[in-house]
Amino acid sequence: MIGRIWHGWTKPENADVYENLLKTEIFPGIASKKVQGYRGIQLFRRPLDDEVEFITIMWFESWEAVQQFAGEDYERA
């Protein structure tokens, strides 16, 4: 299993809108690609001093699945 990690940050006043966008548009859009070997995505949120950090972990069965999702330059975010 391969976990691909992504980090994003926003201001506290935008955090709920940002989280909603991820859950209602971005994540369903990823799932709709139907990448063979994609096994889901997890979302983590934590408040920091003056911003909110979001971390996602996308799970894939193989490097081939990662490449199918991300393209030829799959090691680059």
PDB file of N, CA and C in Angstrom:
ATOM      1  N   MET A   1       0.852  -1.173   0.000  1.00  0.00           N
ATOM      2  CA  MET A   1       0.000   0.000   0.000  1.00  0.00           C
ATOM      3  C   MET A   1       0.898   1.236   0.000  1.00  0.00           C
ATOM      4  N   ILE A   2       0.535   2.221  -0.786  1.00  0.00           N
ATOM      5  CA  ILE A   2       1.297   3.459  -0.911  1.00  0.00           C
ATOM      6  C   ILE A   2       0.399   4.609  -0.486  1.00  0.00           C
ATOM      7  N   GLY A   3       0.901   5.449   0.401  1.00  0.00           N
ATOM      8  CA  GLY A   3       0.178   6.642   0.824  1.00  0.00           C
ATOM      9  C   GLY A   3       0.830   7.874   0.227  1.00  0.00           C
ATOM     10  N   ARG A   4       0.061   8.648  -0.477  1.00  0.00           N
ATOM     11  CA  ARG A   4       0.556   9.889  -1.072  1.00  0.00           C
ATOM     12  C   ARG A   4       0.013  11.050  -0.240  1.00  0.00           C
ATOM     13  N   ILE A   5       0.917  11.823   0.352  1.00  0.00           N
ATOM     14  CA  ILE A   5       0.548  12.865   1.307  1.00  0.00           C
ATOM     15  C   ILE A   5       0.564  14.233   0.648  1.00  0.00           C
ATOM     16  N   TRP A   6      -0.432  15.038   0.979  1.00  0.00           N
ATOM     17  CA  TRP A   6      -0.529  16.405   0.494  1.00  0.00           C
ATOM     18  C   TRP A   6      -0.874  17.306   1.677  1.00  0.00           C
ATOM     19  N   HIS A   7      -0.276  18.489   1.714  1.00  0.00           N
ATOM     20  CA  HIS A   7      -0.550  19.474   2.762  1.00  0.00           C
ATOM     21  C   HIS A   7      -1.123  20.736   2.133  1.00  0.00           C
ATOM     22  N   GLY A   8      -2.066  21.360   2.813  1.00  0.00           N
ATOM     23  CA  GLY A   8      -2.605  22.651   2.403  1.00  0.00           C
ATOM     24  C   GLY A   8      -2.918  23.472   3.642  1.00  0.00           C
ATOM     25  N   TRP A   9      -2.873  24.783   3.492  1.00  0.00           N
ATOM     26  CA  TRP A   9      -3.128  25.678   4.619  1.00  0.00           C
ATOM     27  C   TRP A   9      -4.087  26.775   4.203  1.00  0.00           C
ATOM     28  N   THR A  10      -4.860  27.258   5.154  1.00  0.00           N
ATOM     29  CA  THR A  10      -5.737  28.393   4.908  1.00  0.00           C
ATOM     30  C   THR A  10      -5.942  29.158   6.212  1.00  0.00           C
ATOM     31  N   LYS A  11      -6.533  30.319   6.093  1.00  0.00           N
ATOM     32  CA  LYS A  11      -6.846  31.129   7.270  1.00  0.00           C
ATOM     33  C   LYS A  11      -8.008  30.486   8.021  1.00  0.00           C
ATOM     34  N   PRO A  12      -8.054  30.641   9.343  1.00  0.00           N
ATOM     35  CA  PRO A  12      -9.131  30.011  10.118  1.00  0.00           C
ATOM     36  C   PRO A  12     -10.532  30.357   9.617  1.00  0.00           C
ATOM     37  N   GLU A  13     -10.736  31.583   9.177  1.00  0.00           N
ATOM     38  CA  GLU A  13     -12.076  31.970   8.721  1.00  0.00           C
ATOM     39  C   GLU A  13     -12.479  31.293   7.407  1.00  0.00           C
ATOM     40  N   ASN A  14     -11.526  30.703   6.695  1.00  0.00           N
ATOM     41  CA  ASN A  14     -11.820  30.000   5.441  1.00  0.00           C
ATOM     42  C   ASN A  14     -11.814  28.480   5.593  1.00  0.00           C
ATOM     43  N   ALA A  15     -11.477  27.986   6.769  1.00  0.00           N
ATOM     44  CA  ALA A  15     -11.237  26.554   6.949  1.00  0.00           C
ATOM     45  C   ALA A  15     -12.470  25.697   6.693  1.00  0.00           C
ATOM     46  N   ASP A  16     -13.631  26.106   7.164  1.00  0.00           N
ATOM     47  CA  ASP A  16     -14.831  25.294   6.941  1.00  0.00           C
ATOM     48  C   ASP A  16     -15.190  25.223   5.466  1.00  0.00           C
ATOM     49  N   VAL A  17     -15.071  26.338   4.760  1.00  0.00           N
ATOM     50  CA  VAL A  17     -15.358  26.369   3.329  1.00  0.00           C
ATOM     51  C   VAL A  17     -14.361  25.490   2.575  1.00  0.00           C
ATOM     52  N   TYR A  18     -13.098  25.570   2.964  1.00  0.00           N
ATOM     53  CA  TYR A  18     -12.040  24.770   2.339  1.00  0.00           C
ATOM     54  C   TYR A  18     -12.310  23.277   2.541  1.00  0.00           C
ATOM     55  N   GLU A  19     -12.642  22.910   3.769  1.00  0.00           N
ATOM     56  CA  GLU A  19     -12.927  21.503   4.054  1.00  0.00           C
ATOM     57  C   GLU A  19     -14.139  21.024   3.252  1.00  0.00           C
ATOM     58  N   ASN A  20     -15.171  21.841   3.174  1.00  0.00           N
ATOM     59  CA  ASN A  20     -16.351  21.483   2.405  1.00  0.00           C
ATOM     60  C   ASN A  20     -16.017  21.293   0.930  1.00  0.00           C
ATOM     61  N   LEU A  21     -15.190  22.170   0.381  1.00  0.00           N
ATOM     62  CA  LEU A  21     -14.766  22.035  -1.013  1.00  0.00           C
ATOM     63  C   LEU A  21     -14.048  20.703  -1.249  1.00  0.00           C
ATOM     64  N   LEU A  22     -13.149  20.358  -0.338  1.00  0.00           N
ATOM     65  CA  LEU A  22     -12.441  19.083  -0.468  1.00  0.00           C
ATOM     66  C   LEU A  22     -13.425  17.915  -0.465  1.00  0.00           C
ATOM     67  N   LYS A  23     -14.343  17.918   0.501  1.00  0.00           N
ATOM     68  CA  LYS A  23     -15.251  16.786   0.676  1.00  0.00           C
ATOM     69  C   LYS A  23     -16.332  16.680  -0.394  1.00  0.00           C
ATOM     70  N   THR A  24     -16.799  17.812  -0.913  1.00  0.00           N
ATOM     71  CA  THR A  24     -17.936  17.766  -1.836  1.00  0.00           C
ATOM     72  C   THR A  24     -17.548  17.858  -3.309  1.00  0.00           C
ATOM     73  N   GLU A  25     -16.352  18.393  -3.608  1.00  0.00           N
ATOM     74  CA  GLU A  25     -15.961  18.541  -5.011  1.00  0.00           C
ATOM     75  C   GLU A  25     -14.655  17.817  -5.356  1.00  0.00           C
ATOM     76  N   ILE A  26     -13.609  18.079  -4.588  1.00  0.00           N
ATOM     77  CA  ILE A  26     -12.286  17.528  -4.923  1.00  0.00           C
ATOM     78  C   ILE A  26     -12.259  16.012  -4.752  1.00  0.00           C
ATOM     79  N   PHE A  27     -12.632  15.512  -3.590  1.00  0.00           N
ATOM     80  CA  PHE A  27     -12.560  14.071  -3.347  1.00  0.00           C
ATOM     81  C   PHE A  27     -13.490  13.282  -4.273  1.00  0.00           C
ATOM     82  N   PRO A  28     -14.741  13.707  -4.467  1.00  0.00           N
ATOM     83  CA  PRO A  28     -15.581  12.987  -5.429  1.00  0.00           C
ATOM     84  C   PRO A  28     -15.014  13.039  -6.855  1.00  0.00           C
ATOM     85  N   GLY A  29     -14.381  14.151  -7.216  1.00  0.00           N
ATOM     86  CA  GLY A  29     -13.756  14.245  -8.536  1.00  0.00           C
ATOM     87  C   GLY A  29     -12.625  13.249  -8.702  1.00  0.00           C
ATOM     88  N   ILE A  30     -11.850  13.060  -7.652  1.00  0.00           N
ATOM     89  CA  ILE A  30     -10.768  12.069  -7.685  1.00  0.00           C
ATOM     90  C   ILE A  30     -11.355  10.672  -7.818  1.00  0.00           C
ATOM     91  N   ALA A  31     -12.363  10.368  -7.018  1.00  0.00           N
ATOM     92  CA  ALA A  31     -12.980   9.035  -7.062  1.00  0.00           C
ATOM     93  C   ALA A  31     -13.612   8.755  -8.423  1.00  0.00           C
ATOM     94  N   SER A  32     -14.148   9.801  -9.055  1.00  0.00           N
ATOM     95  CA  SER A  32     -14.826   9.596 -10.345  1.00  0.00           C
ATOM     96  C   SER A  32     -13.865   9.224 -11.469  1.00  0.00           C
ATOM     97  N   LYS A  33     -12.569   9.417 -11.260  1.00  0.00           N
ATOM     98  CA  LYS A  33     -11.585   9.013 -12.273  1.00  0.00           C
ATOM     99  C   LYS A  33     -11.452   7.501 -12.365  1.00  0.00           C
ATOM    100  N   LYS A  34     -11.923   6.820 -11.323  1.00  0.00           N
ATOM    101  CA  LYS A  34     -11.926   5.354 -11.297  1.00  0.00           C
ATOM    102  C   LYS A  34     -10.553   4.765 -11.607  1.00  0.00           C
ATOM    103  N   VAL A  35      -9.535   5.284 -10.957  1.00  0.00           N
ATOM    104  CA  VAL A  35      -8.176   4.768 -11.121  1.00  0.00           C
ATOM    105  C   VAL A  35      -8.101   3.387 -10.479  1.00  0.00           C
ATOM    106  N   GLN A  36      -7.705   2.418 -11.277  1.00  0.00           N
ATOM    107  CA  GLN A  36      -7.570   1.069 -10.746  1.00  0.00           C
ATOM    108  C   GLN A  36      -6.432   1.059  -9.731  1.00  0.00           C
ATOM    109  N   GLY A  37      -6.706   0.590  -8.527  1.00  0.00           N
ATOM    110  CA  GLY A  37      -5.696   0.565  -7.474  1.00  0.00           C
ATOM    111  C   GLY A  37      -5.811   1.721  -6.490  1.00  0.00           C
ATOM    112  N   TYR A  38      -6.680   2.690  -6.762  1.00  0.00           N
ATOM    113  CA  TYR A  38      -6.948   3.781  -5.808  1.00  0.00           C
ATOM    114  C   TYR A  38      -7.847   3.223  -4.727  1.00  0.00           C
ATOM    115  N   ARG A  39      -7.459   3.436  -3.465  1.00  0.00           N
ATOM    116  CA  ARG A  39      -8.193   2.838  -2.358  1.00  0.00           C
ATOM    117  C   ARG A  39      -8.796   3.842  -1.388  1.00  0.00           C
ATOM    118  N   GLY A  40      -8.803   5.110  -1.754  1.00  0.00           N
ATOM    119  CA  GLY A  40      -9.477   6.080  -0.903  1.00  0.00           C
ATOM    120  C   GLY A  40      -8.564   7.198  -0.445  1.00  0.00           C
ATOM    121  N   ILE A  41      -9.169   8.100   0.317  1.00  0.00           N
ATOM    122  CA  ILE A  41      -8.458   9.280   0.773  1.00  0.00           C
ATOM    123  C   ILE A  41      -8.895   9.602   2.203  1.00  0.00           C
ATOM    124  N   GLN A  42      -7.962  10.049   3.006  1.00  0.00           N
ATOM    125  CA  GLN A  42      -8.239  10.471   4.372  1.00  0.00           C
ATOM    126  C   GLN A  42      -7.933  11.959   4.490  1.00  0.00           C
ATOM    127  N   LEU A  43      -8.707  12.636   5.323  1.00  0.00           N
ATOM    128  CA  LEU A  43      -8.521  14.058   5.543  1.00  0.00           C
ATOM    129  C   LEU A  43      -8.267  14.316   7.017  1.00  0.00           C
ATOM    130  N   PHE A  44      -7.242  15.096   7.289  1.00  0.00           N
ATOM    131  CA  PHE A  44      -6.909  15.520   8.642  1.00  0.00           C
ATOM    132  C   PHE A  44      -6.866  17.038   8.667  1.00  0.00           C
ATOM    133  N   ARG A  45      -7.298  17.605   9.769  1.00  0.00           N
ATOM    134  CA  ARG A  45      -7.351  19.060   9.914  1.00  0.00           C
ATOM    135  C   ARG A  45      -6.824  19.407  11.304  1.00  0.00           C
ATOM    136  N   ARG A  46      -5.947  20.426  11.360  1.00  0.00           N
ATOM    137  CA  ARG A  46      -5.479  20.856  12.671  1.00  0.00           C
ATOM    138  C   ARG A  46      -5.249  22.369  12.684  1.00  0.00           C
ATOM    139  N   PRO A  47      -5.702  22.992  13.738  1.00  0.00           N
ATOM    140  CA  PRO A  47      -5.477  24.433  13.870  1.00  0.00           C
ATOM    141  C   PRO A  47      -4.034  24.708  14.285  1.00  0.00           C
ATOM    142  N   LEU A  48      -3.460  25.724  13.697  1.00  0.00           N
ATOM    143  CA  LEU A  48      -2.133  26.198  14.077  1.00  0.00           C
ATOM    144  C   LEU A  48      -2.307  27.624  14.608  1.00  0.00           C
ATOM    145  N   ASP A  49      -1.226  28.330  14.865  1.00  0.00           N
ATOM    146  CA  ASP A  49      -1.327  29.662  15.448  1.00  0.00           C
ATOM    147  C   ASP A  49      -2.221  30.603  14.652  1.00  0.00           C
ATOM    148  N   ASP A  50      -1.923  30.804  13.387  1.00  0.00           N
ATOM    149  CA  ASP A  50      -2.670  31.774  12.585  1.00  0.00           C
ATOM    150  C   ASP A  50      -3.214  31.184  11.289  1.00  0.00           C
ATOM    151  N   GLU A  51      -3.285  29.853  11.225  1.00  0.00           N
ATOM    152  CA  GLU A  51      -3.814  29.187  10.047  1.00  0.00           C
ATOM    153  C   GLU A  51      -4.305  27.800  10.427  1.00  0.00           C
ATOM    154  N   VAL A  52      -4.956  27.156   9.485  1.00  0.00           N
ATOM    155  CA  VAL A  52      -5.418  25.782   9.675  1.00  0.00           C
ATOM    156  C   VAL A  52      -4.739  24.933   8.612  1.00  0.00           C
ATOM    157  N   GLU A  53      -4.158  23.834   9.043  1.00  0.00           N
ATOM    158  CA  GLU A  53      -3.487  22.922   8.122  1.00  0.00           C
ATOM    159  C   GLU A  53      -4.414  21.768   7.786  1.00  0.00           C
ATOM    160  N   PHE A  54      -4.428  21.408   6.509  1.00  0.00           N
ATOM    161  CA  PHE A  54      -5.135  20.233   6.038  1.00  0.00           C
ATOM    162  C   PHE A  54      -4.109  19.264   5.479  1.00  0.00           C
ATOM    163  N   ILE A  55      -4.265  18.012   5.835  1.00  0.00           N
ATOM    164  CA  ILE A  55      -3.393  16.957   5.324  1.00  0.00           C
ATOM    165  C   ILE A  55      -4.303  15.883   4.727  1.00  0.00           C
ATOM    166  N   THR A  56      -3.984  15.471   3.520  1.00  0.00           N
ATOM    167  CA  THR A  56      -4.696  14.347   2.929  1.00  0.00           C
ATOM    168  C   THR A  56      -3.697  13.224   2.668  1.00  0.00           C
ATOM    169  N   ILE A  57      -4.181  12.026   2.822  1.00  0.00           N
ATOM    170  CA  ILE A  57      -3.408  10.845   2.450  1.00  0.00           C
ATOM    171  C   ILE A  57      -4.267  10.040   1.483  1.00  0.00           C
ATOM    172  N   MET A  58      -3.754   9.919   0.271  1.00  0.00           N
ATOM    173  CA  MET A  58      -4.423   9.109  -0.750  1.00  0.00           C
ATOM    174  C   MET A  58      -3.759   7.737  -0.764  1.00  0.00           C
ATOM    175  N   TRP A  59      -4.568   6.698  -0.785  1.00  0.00           N
ATOM    176  CA  TRP A  59      -4.050   5.338  -0.730  1.00  0.00           C
ATOM    177  C   TRP A  59      -4.160   4.650  -2.079  1.00  0.00           C
ATOM    178  N   PHE A  60      -3.038   4.032  -2.472  1.00  0.00           N
ATOM    179  CA  PHE A  60      -2.961   3.308  -3.739  1.00  0.00           C
ATOM    180  C   PHE A  60      -2.344   1.931  -3.502  1.00  0.00           C
ATOM    181  N   GLU A  61      -2.735   0.971  -4.329  1.00  0.00           N
ATOM    182  CA  GLU A  61      -2.200  -0.392  -4.233  1.00  0.00           C
ATOM    183  C   GLU A  61      -0.799  -0.537  -4.792  1.00  0.00           C
ATOM    184  N   SER A  62      -0.412   0.343  -5.737  1.00  0.00           N
ATOM    185  CA  SER A  62       0.869   0.160  -6.416  1.00  0.00           C
ATOM    186  C   SER A  62       1.365   1.488  -6.979  1.00  0.00           C
ATOM    187  N   TRP A  63       2.636   1.484  -7.385  1.00  0.00           N
ATOM    188  CA  TRP A  63       3.197   2.662  -8.044  1.00  0.00           C
ATOM    189  C   TRP A  63       2.514   2.889  -9.394  1.00  0.00           C
ATOM    190  N   GLU A  64       2.102   1.812 -10.031  1.00  0.00           N
ATOM    191  CA  GLU A  64       1.403   1.943 -11.297  1.00  0.00           C
ATOM    192  C   GLU A  64       0.091   2.710 -11.119  1.00  0.00           C
ATOM    193  N   ALA A  65      -0.608   2.459 -10.020  1.00  0.00           N
ATOM    194  CA  ALA A  65      -1.847   3.180  -9.739  1.00  0.00           C
ATOM    195  C   ALA A  65      -1.563   4.656  -9.481  1.00  0.00           C
ATOM    196  N   VAL A  66      -0.487   4.934  -8.754  1.00  0.00           N
ATOM    197  CA  VAL A  66      -0.091   6.327  -8.508  1.00  0.00           C
ATOM    198  C   VAL A  66       0.196   7.014  -9.836  1.00  0.00           C
ATOM    199  N   GLN A  67       0.939   6.355 -10.691  1.00  0.00           N
ATOM    200  CA  GLN A  67       1.284   6.921 -11.995  1.00  0.00           C
ATOM    201  C   GLN A  67       0.037   7.139 -12.851  1.00  0.00           C
ATOM    202  N   GLN A  68      -0.884   6.203 -12.812  1.00  0.00           N
ATOM    203  CA  GLN A  68      -2.121   6.366 -13.572  1.00  0.00           C
ATOM    204  C   GLN A  68      -2.874   7.601 -13.086  1.00  0.00           C
ATOM    205  N   PHE A  69      -2.862   7.845 -11.788  1.00  0.00           N
ATOM    206  CA  PHE A  69      -3.542   9.013 -11.239  1.00  0.00           C
ATOM    207  C   PHE A  69      -2.794  10.310 -11.542  1.00  0.00           C
ATOM    208  N   ALA A  70      -1.479  10.312 -11.304  1.00  0.00           N
ATOM    209  CA  ALA A  70      -0.699  11.552 -11.331  1.00  0.00           C
ATOM    210  C   ALA A  70      -0.003  11.830 -12.660  1.00  0.00           C
ATOM    211  N   GLY A  71       0.132  10.843 -13.515  1.00  0.00           N
ATOM    212  CA  GLY A  71       0.817  11.044 -14.784  1.00  0.00           C
ATOM    213  C   GLY A  71       2.259  10.607 -14.722  1.00  0.00           C
ATOM    214  N   GLU A  72       2.992  10.854 -15.800  1.00  0.00           N
ATOM    215  CA  GLU A  72       4.372  10.376 -15.908  1.00  0.00           C
ATOM    216  C   GLU A  72       5.290  10.920 -14.821  1.00  0.00           C
ATOM    217  N   ASP A  73       5.103  12.153 -14.446  1.00  0.00           N
ATOM    218  CA  ASP A  73       5.948  12.771 -13.423  1.00  0.00           C
ATOM    219  C   ASP A  73       5.304  12.578 -12.045  1.00  0.00           C
ATOM    220  N   TYR A  74       4.944  11.336 -11.725  1.00  0.00           N
ATOM    221  CA  TYR A  74       4.164  11.024 -10.550  1.00  0.00           C
ATOM    222  C   TYR A  74       4.899  11.253  -9.226  1.00  0.00           C
ATOM    223  N   GLU A  75       6.222  11.384  -9.259  1.00  0.00           N
ATOM    224  CA  GLU A  75       6.962  11.630  -8.014  1.00  0.00           C
ATOM    225  C   GLU A  75       6.942  13.103  -7.617  1.00  0.00           C
ATOM    226  N   ARG A  76       6.506  13.946  -8.519  1.00  0.00           N
ATOM    227  CA  ARG A  76       6.438  15.376  -8.249  1.00  0.00           C
ATOM    228  C   ARG A  76       5.001  15.726  -7.837  1.00  0.00           C
ATOM    229  N   ALA A  77       4.906  16.525  -6.808  1.00  0.00           N
ATOM    230  CA  ALA A  77       3.563  16.911  -6.328  1.00  0.00           C
ATOM    231  C   ALA A  77       2.922  17.891  -7.296  1.00  0.00           C
TER     232      ALA A  77
END
